[in-house]
C-alpha atoms as a PDB file:
ATOM      1  CA  UNK A   1      95.156 128.868 186.481  1.00  0.00           C
ATOM      2  CA  UNK A   2      92.478 130.479 183.704  1.00  0.00           C
ATOM      3  CA  UNK A   3      91.582 128.891 180.521  1.00  0.00           C
ATOM      4  CA  UNK A   4      93.801 130.710 178.389  1.00  0.00           C
ATOM      5  CA  UNK A   5      96.975 129.678 180.757  1.00  0.00           C
ATOM      6  CA  UNK A   6      95.729 126.317 180.799  1.00  0.00           C
ATOM      7  CA  UNK A   7      95.479 126.171 176.955  1.00  0.00           C
ATOM      8  CA  UNK A   8      98.458 127.752 176.576  1.00  0.00           C
ATOM      9  CA  UNK A   9     100.362 125.486 178.947  1.00  0.00           C
ATOM     10  CA  UNK A  10      98.582 122.485 177.001  1.00  0.00           C
ATOM     11  CA  UNK A  11      99.832 123.657 173.797  1.00  0.00           C
ATOM     12  CA  UNK A  12     103.329 124.637 174.827  1.00  0.00           C
ATOM     13  CA  UNK A  13     103.784 120.829 176.357  1.00  0.00           C
ATOM     14  CA  UNK A  14     102.199 119.400 172.604  1.00  0.00           C
ATOM     15  CA  UNK A  15     104.711 121.299 170.854  1.00  0.00           C
ATOM     16  CA  UNK A  16     107.148 119.575 173.293  1.00  0.00           C
ATOM     17  CA  UNK A  17     106.048 116.298 172.327  1.00  0.00           C
ATOM     18  CA  UNK A  18     105.816 117.048 168.595  1.00  0.00           C
ATOM     19  CA  UNK A  19     109.431 118.505 168.384  1.00  0.00           C
ATOM     20  CA  UNK A  20     110.788 115.544 169.526  1.00  0.00           C
ATOM     21  CA  UNK A  21     108.722 113.424 167.284  1.00  0.00           C
ATOM     22  CA  UNK A  22     109.311 115.531 164.196  1.00  0.00           C
ATOM     23  CA  UNK A  23     113.435 115.486 164.753  1.00  0.00           C
ATOM     24  CA  UNK A  24     112.978 111.414 165.057  1.00  0.00           C
ATOM     25  CA  UNK A  25     110.721 111.672 161.277  1.00  0.00           C
ATOM     26  CA  UNK A  26     113.074 113.803 159.974  1.00  0.00           C
ATOM     27  CA  UNK A  27     116.317 110.853 160.966  1.00  0.00           C
ATOM     28  CA  UNK A  28     114.241 107.877 159.836  1.00  0.00           C
ATOM     29  CA  UNK A  29     113.078 109.974 156.414  1.00  0.00           C
ATOM     30  CA  UNK A  30     116.858 110.681 155.826  1.00  0.00           C
ATOM     31  CA  UNK A  31     117.843 107.038 155.998  1.00  0.00           C
ATOM     32  CA  UNK A  32     114.509 105.703 153.981  1.00  0.00           C
ATOM     33  CA  UNK A  33     116.116 108.479 151.310  1.00  0.00           C
ATOM     34  CA  UNK A  34     119.522 107.017 151.079  1.00  0.00           C
ATOM     35  CA  UNK A  35     118.074 103.462 150.826  1.00  0.00           C
ATOM     36  CA  UNK A  36     115.645 104.116 148.041  1.00  0.00           C
ATOM     37  CA  UNK A  37     118.425 105.331 146.420  1.00  0.00           C
ATOM     38  CA  UNK A  38     120.809 102.934 146.695  1.00  0.00           C
ATOM     39  CA  UNK A  39     118.431 100.340 145.697  1.00  0.00           C
ATOM     40  CA  UNK A  40     117.641 102.640 142.683  1.00  0.00           C
ATOM     41  CA  UNK A  41     121.065 102.474 141.574  1.00  0.00           C
ATOM     42  CA  UNK A  42     120.891  98.555 142.033  1.00  0.00           C
ATOM     43  CA  UNK A  43     123.181  98.424 145.061  1.00  0.00           C
ATOM     44  CA  UNK A  44     120.172  97.600 148.040  1.00  0.00           C
ATOM     45  CA  UNK A  45     117.689  95.118 147.237  1.00  0.00           C
ATOM     46  CA  UNK A  46     114.244  96.781 149.238  1.00  0.00           C
ATOM     47  CA  UNK A  47     112.753  94.344 151.791  1.00  0.00           C
ATOM     48  CA  UNK A  48     109.968  92.712 150.660  1.00  0.00           C
ATOM     49  CA  UNK A  49     107.237  95.193 152.475  1.00  0.00           C
ATOM     50  CA  UNK A  50     108.853  98.287 151.078  1.00  0.00           C
ATOM     51  CA  UNK A  51     107.902  96.782 147.371  1.00  0.00           C
ATOM     52  CA  UNK A  52     104.732  97.031 147.272  1.00  0.00           C
ATOM     53  CA  UNK A  53     102.267  99.663 148.445  1.00  0.00           C
ATOM     54  CA  UNK A  54      98.616  98.934 149.077  1.00  0.00           C
ATOM     55  CA  UNK A  55      97.212 102.258 149.177  1.00  0.00           C
ATOM     56  CA  UNK A  56      96.763 104.026 145.615  1.00  0.00           C
ATOM     57  CA  UNK A  57      97.954 107.346 145.059  1.00  0.00           C
ATOM     58  CA  UNK A  58      94.456 109.143 145.658  1.00  0.00           C
ATOM     59  CA  UNK A  59      94.436 107.128 148.825  1.00  0.00           C
ATOM     60  CA  UNK A  60      95.004 109.162 152.055  1.00  0.00           C
ATOM     61  CA  UNK A  61      95.473 107.459 155.763  1.00  0.00           C
ATOM     62  CA  UNK A  62      93.531 109.601 158.223  1.00  0.00           C
ATOM     63  CA  UNK A  63      93.282 108.890 162.272  1.00  0.00           C
ATOM     64  CA  UNK A  64      89.917 109.326 163.768  1.00  0.00           C
ATOM     65  CA  UNK A  65      89.219 109.539 167.490  1.00  0.00           C
ATOM     66  CA  UNK A  66      85.590 108.269 168.539  1.00  0.00           C
ATOM     67  CA  UNK A  67      83.758 109.900 171.625  1.00  0.00           C
ATOM     68  CA  UNK A  68      82.017 107.275 173.710  1.00  0.00           C
ATOM     69  CA  UNK A  69      80.680 108.381 177.177  1.00  0.00           C
ATOM     70  CA  UNK A  70      81.575 111.215 179.462  1.00  0.00           C
ATOM     71  CA  UNK A  71      80.908 110.117 183.252  1.00  0.00           C
ATOM     72  CA  UNK A  72      81.446 111.787 186.831  1.00  0.00           C
ATOM     73  CA  UNK A  73      82.302 108.925 189.881  1.00  0.00           C
ATOM     74  CA  UNK A  74      82.763 111.990 191.935  1.00  0.00           C
ATOM     75  CA  UNK A  75      81.785 115.895 191.747  1.00  0.00           C
ATOM     76  CA  UNK A  76      84.070 118.563 193.379  1.00  0.00           C
ATOM     77  CA  UNK A  77      81.174 120.379 194.070  1.00  0.00           C
ATOM     78  CA  UNK A  78      77.592 119.398 194.501  1.00  0.00           C
ATOM     79  CA  UNK A  79      76.885 120.505 190.639  1.00  0.00           C
ATOM     80  CA  UNK A  80      80.153 120.999 188.259  1.00  0.00           C
ATOM     81  CA  UNK A  81      79.746 123.513 185.637  1.00  0.00           C
ATOM     82  CA  UNK A  82      82.559 121.186 182.908  1.00  0.00           C
ATOM     83  CA  UNK A  83      83.999 121.961 179.911  1.00  0.00           C
ATOM     84  CA  UNK A  84      85.153 118.983 177.575  1.00  0.00           C
ATOM     85  CA  UNK A  85      87.547 119.697 174.865  1.00  0.00           C
ATOM     86  CA  UNK A  86      89.505 117.964 172.504  1.00  0.00           C
ATOM     87  CA  UNK A  87      92.057 119.968 170.254  1.00  0.00           C
ATOM     88  CA  UNK A  88      90.060 123.280 170.940  1.00  0.00           C
ATOM     89  CA  UNK A  89      86.964 121.838 170.117  1.00  0.00           C
ATOM     90  CA  UNK A  90      84.062 121.620 172.384  1.00  0.00           C
ATOM     91  CA  UNK A  91      83.195 118.439 173.363  1.00  0.00           C
ATOM     92  CA  UNK A  92      80.462 118.853 175.872  1.00  0.00           C
ATOM     93  CA  UNK A  93      79.878 122.197 177.874  1.00  0.00           C
ATOM     94  CA  UNK A  94      77.440 121.688 180.569  1.00  0.00           C
ATOM     95  CA  UNK A  95      76.183 120.306 184.560  1.00  0.00           C
ATOM     96  CA  UNK A  96      77.346 117.238 185.806  1.00  0.00           C
ATOM     97  CA  UNK A  97      76.487 115.337 189.068  1.00  0.00           C
ATOM     98  CA  UNK A  98      78.200 112.020 189.860  1.00  0.00           C
ATOM     99  CA  UNK A  99      76.000 109.188 188.822  1.00  0.00           C
ATOM    100  CA  UNK A 100      74.858 106.857 186.105  1.00  0.00           C
ATOM    101  CA  UNK A 101      71.517 109.552 185.572  1.00  0.00           C
ATOM    102  CA  UNK A 102      74.369 112.117 184.325  1.00  0.00           C
ATOM    103  CA  UNK A 103      76.496 109.782 181.643  1.00  0.00           C
ATOM    104  CA  UNK A 104      77.000 111.692 178.692  1.00  0.00           C
ATOM    105  CA  UNK A 105      77.102 109.903 175.261  1.00  0.00           C
ATOM    106  CA  UNK A 106      78.789 112.751 172.990  1.00  0.00           C
ATOM    107  CA  UNK A 107      77.282 111.861 170.193  1.00  0.00           C
ATOM    108  CA  UNK A 108      77.522 112.252 166.418  1.00  0.00           C
ATOM    109  CA  UNK A 109      75.513 109.145 165.797  1.00  0.00           C
ATOM    110  CA  UNK A 110      76.678 106.746 168.186  1.00  0.00           C
ATOM    111  CA  UNK A 111      79.892 108.361 168.881  1.00  0.00           C
ATOM    112  CA  UNK A 112      81.192 111.684 168.278  1.00  0.00           C
ATOM    113  CA  UNK A 113      83.838 111.399 165.491  1.00  0.00           C
ATOM    114  CA  UNK A 114      86.799 113.826 165.288  1.00  0.00           C
ATOM    115  CA  UNK A 115      89.974 113.734 163.167  1.00  0.00           C
ATOM    116  CA  UNK A 116      92.948 114.002 164.422  1.00  0.00           C
ATOM    117  CA  UNK A 117      95.326 115.562 162.265  1.00  0.00           C
ATOM    118  CA  UNK A 118      98.730 115.403 164.257  1.00  0.00           C
ATOM    119  CA  UNK A 119     100.816 112.761 166.105  1.00  0.00           C
ATOM    120  CA  UNK A 120      99.056 113.561 169.154  1.00  0.00           C
ATOM    121  CA  UNK A 121      96.001 116.088 170.500  1.00  0.00           C
ATOM    122  CA  UNK A 122      95.454 117.079 173.879  1.00  0.00           C
ATOM    123  CA  UNK A 123      91.567 116.642 176.082  1.00  0.00           C
ATOM    124  CA  UNK A 124      90.958 118.504 179.099  1.00  0.00           C
ATOM    125  CA  UNK A 125      88.530 118.642 181.240  1.00  0.00           C
ATOM    126  CA  UNK A 126      87.758 122.050 183.523  1.00  0.00           C
ATOM    127  CA  UNK A 127      84.886 123.163 185.591  1.00  0.00           C
ATOM    128  CA  UNK A 128      83.980 126.356 185.466  1.00  0.00           C
ATOM    129  CA  UNK A 129      83.739 128.604 188.263  1.00  0.00           C
ATOM    130  CA  UNK A 130      82.418 132.438 188.175  1.00  0.00           C
ATOM    131  CA  UNK A 131      84.014 134.450 189.616  1.00  0.00           C
ATOM    132  CA  UNK A 132      86.517 132.569 190.658  1.00  0.00           C
ATOM    133  CA  UNK A 133      89.172 130.428 188.862  1.00  0.00           C
ATOM    134  CA  UNK A 134      88.424 127.683 186.908  1.00  0.00           C
ATOM    135  CA  UNK A 135      89.602 124.475 188.442  1.00  0.00           C
ATOM    136  CA  UNK A 136      91.742 122.119 186.297  1.00  0.00           C
ATOM    137  CA  UNK A 137      90.332 118.790 186.574  1.00  0.00           C
ATOM    138  CA  UNK A 138      92.859 117.442 184.302  1.00  0.00           C
ATOM    139  CA  UNK A 139      94.276 116.365 180.547  1.00  0.00           C
ATOM    140  CA  UNK A 140      95.112 114.054 178.160  1.00  0.00           C
ATOM    141  CA  UNK A 141      97.066 112.882 175.594  1.00  0.00           C
ATOM    142  CA  UNK A 142      95.711 111.135 172.932  1.00  0.00           C
ATOM    143  CA  UNK A 143      98.679 109.698 169.934  1.00  0.00           C
ATOM    144  CA  UNK A 144      97.638 108.017 166.462  1.00  0.00           C
ATOM    145  CA  UNK A 145      99.819 105.259 167.800  1.00  0.00           C
ATOM    146  CA  UNK A 146      96.623 104.606 169.560  1.00  0.00           C
ATOM    147  CA  UNK A 147      94.772 103.261 166.625  1.00  0.00           C
ATOM    148  CA  UNK A 148      93.703  99.278 166.335  1.00  0.00           C
ATOM    149  CA  UNK A 149      94.075  99.324 170.302  1.00  0.00           C
ATOM    150  CA  UNK A 150      90.207  99.141 171.095  1.00  0.00           C
ATOM    151  CA  UNK A 151      88.132 101.231 173.750  1.00  0.00           C
ATOM    152  CA  UNK A 152      90.375 103.058 176.121  1.00  0.00           C
ATOM    153  CA  UNK A 153      89.498 105.404 179.546  1.00  0.00           C
ATOM    154  CA  UNK A 154      90.974 108.471 180.491  1.00  0.00           C
ATOM    155  CA  UNK A 155      90.385 109.362 183.761  1.00  0.00           C
ATOM    156  CA  UNK A 156      90.380 113.650 185.133  1.00  0.00           C
ATOM    157  CA  UNK A 157      91.346 113.540 189.207  1.00  0.00           C
ATOM    158  CA  UNK A 158      92.582 116.861 189.939  1.00  0.00           C
ATOM    159  CA  UNK A 159      91.122 119.143 192.039  1.00  0.00           C
ATOM    160  CA  UNK A 160      89.010 116.563 194.054  1.00  0.00           C
ATOM    161  CA  UNK A 161      86.942 115.510 191.381  1.00  0.00           C
ATOM    162  CA  UNK A 162      87.166 112.319 189.243  1.00  0.00           C
ATOM    163  CA  UNK A 163      85.584 112.122 185.661  1.00  0.00           C
ATOM    164  CA  UNK A 164      86.186 109.866 182.847  1.00  0.00           C
ATOM    165  CA  UNK A 165      86.298 109.162 178.936  1.00  0.00           C
ATOM    166  CA  UNK A 166      85.849 106.995 176.876  1.00  0.00           C
ATOM    167  CA  UNK A 167      87.550 107.051 173.504  1.00  0.00           C
ATOM    168  CA  UNK A 168      89.494 104.698 170.663  1.00  0.00           C
ATOM    169  CA  UNK A 169      91.566 105.784 167.750  1.00  0.00           C
ATOM    170  CA  UNK A 170      90.609 104.694 164.227  1.00  0.00           C
ATOM    171  CA  UNK A 171      93.181 104.615 161.842  1.00  0.00           C
ATOM    172  CA  UNK A 172      91.646 104.648 158.568  1.00  0.00           C
ATOM    173  CA  UNK A 173      91.742 105.100 154.453  1.00  0.00           C
ATOM    174  CA  UNK A 174      90.067 107.670 152.174  1.00  0.00           C
END
């Protein structure tokens, strides 16, 4: 499976998951609209949590993913040529071997931060083989609903390799 096929497969899976979430949100919004209409007509008193918003009109909520360590516990070959991507953005591309000396700190300050612009995004790891087809070490879905849960770790363990990536999701008001 080459990089293009992996990318198409990953985005096809994300689209299926996203379409289910869109249907849920559509149903939720229609129920909410009905409740708001009833409250405006005086037929229903909105619950206390819905009566006052703490966000001002100019503020927006965004989600950020902070990436920390990218590390190798077991390389597939003596040295793997890794390509780590998140939502189409390259986080790391280069050589990796097993061991603490090969831990990579994905930095943009103390961590590397990327926006999570939709409810889910995929991080995936390939090992580039030339002239052979690339090896897919795995994928991981990062979700907005992970915000506030602290640092997490995803693992990539396909094709005889074992890699890890530390990350956490933050809900930010801008």
